[in-house]
C-alpha atoms as a PDB file:
ATOM      1  CA  MET A   1       5.188  52.308 122.079  1.00  0.00           C
ATOM      2  CA  SER A   2       7.718  52.813 124.816  1.00  0.00           C
ATOM      3  CA  HIS A   3       9.075  49.753 126.598  1.00  0.00           C
ATOM      4  CA  SER A   4       8.590  51.536 129.922  1.00  0.00           C
ATOM      5  CA  PRO A   5       4.859  51.936 130.569  1.00  0.00           C
ATOM      6  CA  SER A   6       3.567  55.323 131.643  1.00  0.00           C
ATOM      7  CA  PRO A   7       1.824  55.799 134.991  1.00  0.00           C
ATOM      8  CA  GLN A   8      -1.458  56.143 133.028  1.00  0.00           C
ATOM      9  CA  ALA A   9      -0.866  52.739 131.418  1.00  0.00           C
ATOM     10  CA  LEU A  10       0.085  51.121 134.728  1.00  0.00           C
ATOM     11  CA  ARG A  11      -3.027  52.581 136.399  1.00  0.00           C
ATOM     12  CA  ALA A  12      -5.248  51.202 133.620  1.00  0.00           C
ATOM     13  CA  LEU A  13      -3.625  47.785 133.966  1.00  0.00           C
ATOM     14  CA  LEU A  14      -4.053  47.868 137.744  1.00  0.00           C
ATOM     15  CA  ASP A  15      -7.737  48.733 137.229  1.00  0.00           C
ATOM     16  CA  LYS A  16      -8.055  45.722 134.901  1.00  0.00           C
ATOM     17  CA  TYR A  17      -6.544  43.315 137.406  1.00  0.00           C
ATOM     18  CA  ALA A  18      -8.598  44.732 140.269  1.00  0.00           C
ATOM     19  CA  GLU A  19     -11.755  44.224 138.172  1.00  0.00           C
ATOM     20  CA  ILE A  20     -10.766  40.666 137.229  1.00  0.00           C
ATOM     21  CA  GLU A  21     -10.000  39.929 140.880  1.00  0.00           C
ATOM     22  CA  ARG A  22     -13.383  41.334 141.924  1.00  0.00           C
ATOM     23  CA  LEU A  23     -15.138  39.179 139.342  1.00  0.00           C
ATOM     24  CA  ARG A  24     -13.186  36.093 140.452  1.00  0.00           C
ATOM     25  CA  ARG A  25     -14.125  36.694 144.085  1.00  0.00           C
ATOM     26  CA  ALA A  26     -17.834  36.902 143.263  1.00  0.00           C
ATOM     27  CA  PRO A  27     -19.859  34.110 144.861  1.00  0.00           C
ATOM     28  CA  VAL A  28     -19.765  30.882 142.865  1.00  0.00           C
ATOM     29  CA  SER A  29     -23.523  30.943 142.447  1.00  0.00           C
ATOM     30  CA  SER A  30     -23.496  34.384 140.854  1.00  0.00           C
ATOM     31  CA  GLU A  31     -22.451  35.045 137.309  1.00  0.00           C
ATOM     32  CA  ALA A  32     -20.930  38.345 136.351  1.00  0.00           C
ATOM     33  CA  PRO A  33     -23.475  40.370 134.460  1.00  0.00           C
ATOM     34  CA  ARG A  34     -22.869  40.247 130.732  1.00  0.00           C
ATOM     35  CA  ALA A  35     -22.584  44.028 130.565  1.00  0.00           C
ATOM     36  CA  GLU A  36     -19.629  43.976 132.988  1.00  0.00           C
ATOM     37  CA  LEU A  37     -17.871  41.271 131.001  1.00  0.00           C
ATOM     38  CA  ARG A  38     -18.481  43.087 127.720  1.00  0.00           C
ATOM     39  CA  ALA A  39     -17.143  46.342 129.165  1.00  0.00           C
ATOM     40  CA  LEU A  40     -14.014  44.601 130.444  1.00  0.00           C
ATOM     41  CA  ALA A  41     -13.451  42.864 127.095  1.00  0.00           C
ATOM     42  CA  ARG A  42     -14.043  46.101 125.161  1.00  0.00           C
ATOM     43  CA  ARG A  43     -11.557  48.048 127.268  1.00  0.00           C
ATOM     44  CA  PHE A  44      -9.029  45.189 127.518  1.00  0.00           C
ATOM     45  CA  PRO A  45      -9.535  42.695 124.677  1.00  0.00           C
ATOM     46  CA  GLY A  46      -8.250  39.273 125.667  1.00  0.00           C
ATOM     47  CA  SER A  47      -8.779  39.876 129.382  1.00  0.00           C
ATOM     48  CA  LEU A  48     -11.646  37.405 129.712  1.00  0.00           C
ATOM     49  CA  ARG A  49      -9.113  34.651 129.086  1.00  0.00           C
ATOM     50  CA  GLU A  50      -7.240  35.918 132.155  1.00  0.00           C
ATOM     51  CA  LEU A  51     -10.458  35.860 134.141  1.00  0.00           C
ATOM     52  CA  ASP A  52     -10.651  32.143 133.347  1.00  0.00           C
ATOM     53  CA  CYS A  53      -6.992  31.170 133.757  1.00  0.00           C
ATOM     54  CA  ARG A  54      -5.384  33.388 136.420  1.00  0.00           C
ATOM     55  CA  SER A  55      -5.450  32.279 140.039  1.00  0.00           C
ATOM     56  CA  LEU A  56      -6.484  34.721 142.734  1.00  0.00           C
ATOM     57  CA  GLU A  57      -2.912  34.582 144.040  1.00  0.00           C
ATOM     58  CA  ASP A  58      -1.573  35.588 140.629  1.00  0.00           C
ATOM     59  CA  LEU A  59      -4.104  38.415 140.341  1.00  0.00           C
ATOM     60  CA  GLU A  60      -3.173  39.671 143.812  1.00  0.00           C
ATOM     61  CA  ARG A  61       0.544  39.445 142.968  1.00  0.00           C
ATOM     62  CA  ARG A  62       0.031  41.463 139.781  1.00  0.00           C
ATOM     63  CA  CYS A  63      -2.010  44.101 141.619  1.00  0.00           C
ATOM     64  CA  ARG A  64       0.714  44.417 144.279  1.00  0.00           C
ATOM     65  CA  ALA A  65       3.455  44.712 141.656  1.00  0.00           C
ATOM     66  CA  LEU A  66       1.603  47.420 139.732  1.00  0.00           C
ATOM     67  CA  SER A  67       0.669  49.296 142.925  1.00  0.00           C
ATOM     68  CA  ALA A  68       4.301  49.245 144.053  1.00  0.00           C
ATOM     69  CA  ALA A  69       5.544  50.539 140.699  1.00  0.00           C
ATOM     70  CA  LEU A  70       2.985  53.346 140.788  1.00  0.00           C
ATOM     71  CA  ALA A  71       3.684  54.271 144.418  1.00  0.00           C
ATOM     72  CA  THR A  72       7.471  54.220 144.253  1.00  0.00           C
ATOM     73  CA  GLY A  73       8.256  54.966 140.629  1.00  0.00           C
ATOM     74  CA  ALA A  74      10.127  51.654 140.487  1.00  0.00           C
ATOM     75  CA  PRO A  75      10.350  49.922 137.119  1.00  0.00           C
ATOM     76  CA  ALA A  76       7.179  48.187 136.001  1.00  0.00           C
ATOM     77  CA  PRO A  77       7.112  44.399 136.133  1.00  0.00           C
ATOM     78  CA  PRO A  78       8.480  42.813 132.936  1.00  0.00           C
ATOM     79  CA  TRP A  79       5.052  41.593 131.801  1.00  0.00           C
ATOM     80  CA  ALA A  80       3.334  45.001 132.063  1.00  0.00           C
ATOM     81  CA  ALA A  81       4.559  46.430 128.739  1.00  0.00           C
ATOM     82  CA  ALA A  82       3.444  43.275 126.916  1.00  0.00           C
ATOM     83  CA  GLN A  83      -0.004  43.429 128.521  1.00  0.00           C
ATOM     84  CA  ILE A  84      -0.501  47.082 127.612  1.00  0.00           C
ATOM     85  CA  ALA A  85       0.738  46.643 124.044  1.00  0.00           C
ATOM     86  CA  TYR A  86      -1.402  43.524 123.546  1.00  0.00           C
ATOM     87  CA  HIS A  87      -4.642  45.113 124.697  1.00  0.00           C
ATOM     88  CA  GLY A  88      -4.069  48.229 122.585  1.00  0.00           C
ATOM     89  CA  ALA A  89      -3.002  46.326 119.467  1.00  0.00           C
ATOM     90  CA  LEU A  90      -5.865  43.827 119.716  1.00  0.00           C
ATOM     91  CA  ARG A  91      -8.465  46.560 120.298  1.00  0.00           C
ATOM     92  CA  ALA A  92      -7.171  48.485 117.270  1.00  0.00           C
ATOM     93  CA  ALA A  93      -6.979  45.312 115.160  1.00  0.00           C
ATOM     94  CA  LEU A  94     -10.564  44.350 115.937  1.00  0.00           C
ATOM     95  CA  ARG A  95     -11.852  47.839 115.167  1.00  0.00           C
ATOM     96  CA  ILE A  96      -9.844  48.120 111.942  1.00  0.00           C
ATOM     97  CA  ARG A  97     -10.894  44.634 110.791  1.00  0.00           C
ATOM     98  CA  GLN A  98     -14.550  45.455 111.252  1.00  0.00           C
ATOM     99  CA  ALA A  99     -14.354  48.787 109.441  1.00  0.00           C
ATOM    100  CA  ALA A 100     -11.907  47.870 106.669  1.00  0.00           C
ATOM    101  CA  ARG A 101     -13.315  44.454 105.737  1.00  0.00           C
ATOM    102  CA  PRO A 102     -15.377  45.849 102.815  1.00  0.00           C
ATOM    103  CA  LEU A 103     -12.165  47.361 101.415  1.00  0.00           C
ATOM    104  CA  ALA A 104     -10.146  44.119 101.481  1.00  0.00           C
ATOM    105  CA  GLY A 105      -7.914  43.751  98.457  1.00  0.00           C
ATOM    106  CA  ASP A 106      -7.904  47.464  97.611  1.00  0.00           C
ATOM    107  CA  ALA A 107      -4.692  48.663  99.265  1.00  0.00           C
ATOM    108  CA  ALA A 108      -5.229  52.299  98.225  1.00  0.00           C
ATOM    109  CA  ALA A 109      -8.742  52.356  99.700  1.00  0.00           C
ATOM    110  CA  VAL A 110      -7.501  50.743 102.908  1.00  0.00           C
ATOM    111  CA  GLN A 111      -4.711  53.300 103.225  1.00  0.00           C
ATOM    112  CA  ALA A 112      -7.153  56.160 102.585  1.00  0.00           C
ATOM    113  CA  TRP A 113      -9.500  54.727 105.225  1.00  0.00           C
ATOM    114  CA  LEU A 114      -6.642  54.568 107.745  1.00  0.00           C
ATOM    115  CA  VAL A 115      -5.646  58.182 107.110  1.00  0.00           C
ATOM    116  CA  GLN A 116      -9.219  59.449 107.437  1.00  0.00           C
ATOM    117  CA  ASN A 117     -10.690  57.151 110.084  1.00  0.00           C
ATOM    118  CA  TYR A 118      -8.063  55.594 112.316  1.00  0.00           C
ATOM    119  CA  HIS A 119      -7.785  57.608 115.519  1.00  0.00           C
ATOM    120  CA  PRO A 120      -5.921  55.459 118.029  1.00  0.00           C
ATOM    121  CA  ALA A 121      -6.472  55.412 121.757  1.00  0.00           C
ATOM    122  CA  TRP A 122      -3.417  56.148 123.903  1.00  0.00           C
ATOM    123  CA  ASP A 123      -2.361  52.483 124.015  1.00  0.00           C
ATOM    124  CA  GLU A 124      -3.049  51.591 120.372  1.00  0.00           C
ATOM    125  CA  PRO A 125      -0.496  51.555 117.546  1.00  0.00           C
ATOM    126  CA  ALA A 126       0.229  54.962 116.065  1.00  0.00           C
ATOM    127  CA  PRO A 127      -1.147  55.530 112.544  1.00  0.00           C
ATOM    128  CA  GLU A 128       2.337  55.764 111.058  1.00  0.00           C
ATOM    129  CA  ARG A 129       3.002  52.202 112.304  1.00  0.00           C
ATOM    130  CA  LEU A 130       0.154  50.907 110.142  1.00  0.00           C
ATOM    131  CA  ASP A 131      -0.171  50.716 106.393  1.00  0.00           C
ATOM    132  CA  GLY A 132      -2.333  48.947 103.841  1.00  0.00           C
ATOM    133  CA  ALA A 133      -0.158  45.813 103.981  1.00  0.00           C
ATOM    134  CA  ILE A 134      -0.586  45.524 107.742  1.00  0.00           C
ATOM    135  CA  VAL A 135      -4.333  46.004 107.441  1.00  0.00           C
ATOM    136  CA  GLU A 136      -4.423  43.274 104.783  1.00  0.00           C
ATOM    137  CA  GLN A 137      -2.633  41.021 107.316  1.00  0.00           C
ATOM    138  CA  LEU A 138      -5.321  41.897 109.849  1.00  0.00           C
ATOM    139  CA  LEU A 139      -8.043  41.028 107.372  1.00  0.00           C
ATOM    140  CA  ARG A 140      -6.374  37.724 106.526  1.00  0.00           C
ATOM    141  CA  PRO A 141      -4.158  36.827 109.499  1.00  0.00           C
ATOM    142  CA  PRO A 142      -1.896  33.795 109.276  1.00  0.00           C
ATOM    143  CA  GLY A 143      -3.896  30.752 110.288  1.00  0.00           C
ATOM    144  CA  GLY A 144      -7.002  32.934 110.427  1.00  0.00           C
ATOM    145  CA  ARG A 145      -6.324  33.901 114.055  1.00  0.00           C
ATOM    146  CA  ILE A 146      -6.115  37.566 115.037  1.00  0.00           C
ATOM    147  CA  HIS A 147      -4.662  36.539 118.424  1.00  0.00           C
ATOM    148  CA  ARG A 148      -1.559  35.131 116.703  1.00  0.00           C
ATOM    149  CA  TRP A 149      -1.198  38.285 114.594  1.00  0.00           C
ATOM    150  CA  THR A 150      -1.408  40.413 117.748  1.00  0.00           C
ATOM    151  CA  LEU A 151       1.206  38.306 119.555  1.00  0.00           C
ATOM    152  CA  ALA A 152       3.556  38.731 116.591  1.00  0.00           C
ATOM    153  CA  TRP A 153       2.900  42.507 116.481  1.00  0.00           C
ATOM    154  CA  VAL A 154       3.651  42.929 120.197  1.00  0.00           C
ATOM    155  CA  ALA A 155       6.735  40.711 119.914  1.00  0.00           C
ATOM    156  CA  ARG A 156       8.104  42.930 117.126  1.00  0.00           C
ATOM    157  CA  GLU A 157       7.284  46.109 119.012  1.00  0.00           C
ATOM    158  CA  LEU A 158       8.939  44.920 122.235  1.00  0.00           C
ATOM    159  CA  GLN A 159      11.687  42.917 120.516  1.00  0.00           C
ATOM    160  CA  LEU A 160      10.677  39.678 122.227  1.00  0.00           C
ATOM    161  CA  GLU A 161       9.794  36.210 120.996  1.00  0.00           C
ATOM    162  CA  PRO A 162       6.038  35.600 120.522  1.00  0.00           C
ATOM    163  CA  GLU A 163       6.211  32.744 123.042  1.00  0.00           C
ATOM    164  CA  ARG A 164       7.601  35.110 125.658  1.00  0.00           C
ATOM    165  CA  VAL A 165       4.829  37.603 124.930  1.00  0.00           C
ATOM    166  CA  GLU A 166       2.223  34.869 125.310  1.00  0.00           C
ATOM    167  CA  ALA A 167       3.795  33.823 128.629  1.00  0.00           C
ATOM    168  CA  ALA A 168       3.629  37.447 129.793  1.00  0.00           C
ATOM    169  CA  LEU A 169      -0.005  37.674 128.806  1.00  0.00           C
ATOM    170  CA  PHE A 170      -1.409  34.378 129.970  1.00  0.00           C
ATOM    171  CA  GLY A 171       1.406  32.544 131.739  1.00  0.00           C
ATOM    172  CA  HIS A 172       3.756  33.470 134.511  1.00  0.00           C
ATOM    173  CA  TRP A 173       6.709  35.236 132.871  1.00  0.00           C
ATOM    174  CA  GLY A 174       8.248  37.694 135.312  1.00  0.00           C
ATOM    175  CA  GLN A 175       5.421  37.073 137.785  1.00  0.00           C
END
């Protein structure tokens, strides 16, 4: 994964923030339909947490920053690469965990499954970045939390500390 997000990746991230902003602006008495929330979570795993924790001002700021980068070709905000890598890695991890769980403990079978069945989306880890050992980590993540595994994966990929990745995802690193 490149540290400089592509225009396609920035556009997808802008779409995510625009959708979260729209959902946040919905009247207090209305709840977002479950189908909309599921679709958002499927496309951008972990984004429902942002729906709960990001202020409207923060959402607007992120939309402006992404729009400016797309319009001018300026560098993406520092948090954008972490967001894109996180969503792709978590989506892949969830899919792999579900499919490979019956193969847990059989490294050869897991590796064969990856070769035959893992077809990553544009923002997911490339097959050559994954092996049976990594899938075993996904099946049994440290502390039992796939979120922590994903933070560590993104931190390694972007050469950042996991705390900085978490701040980029759910805090205010780099606004």
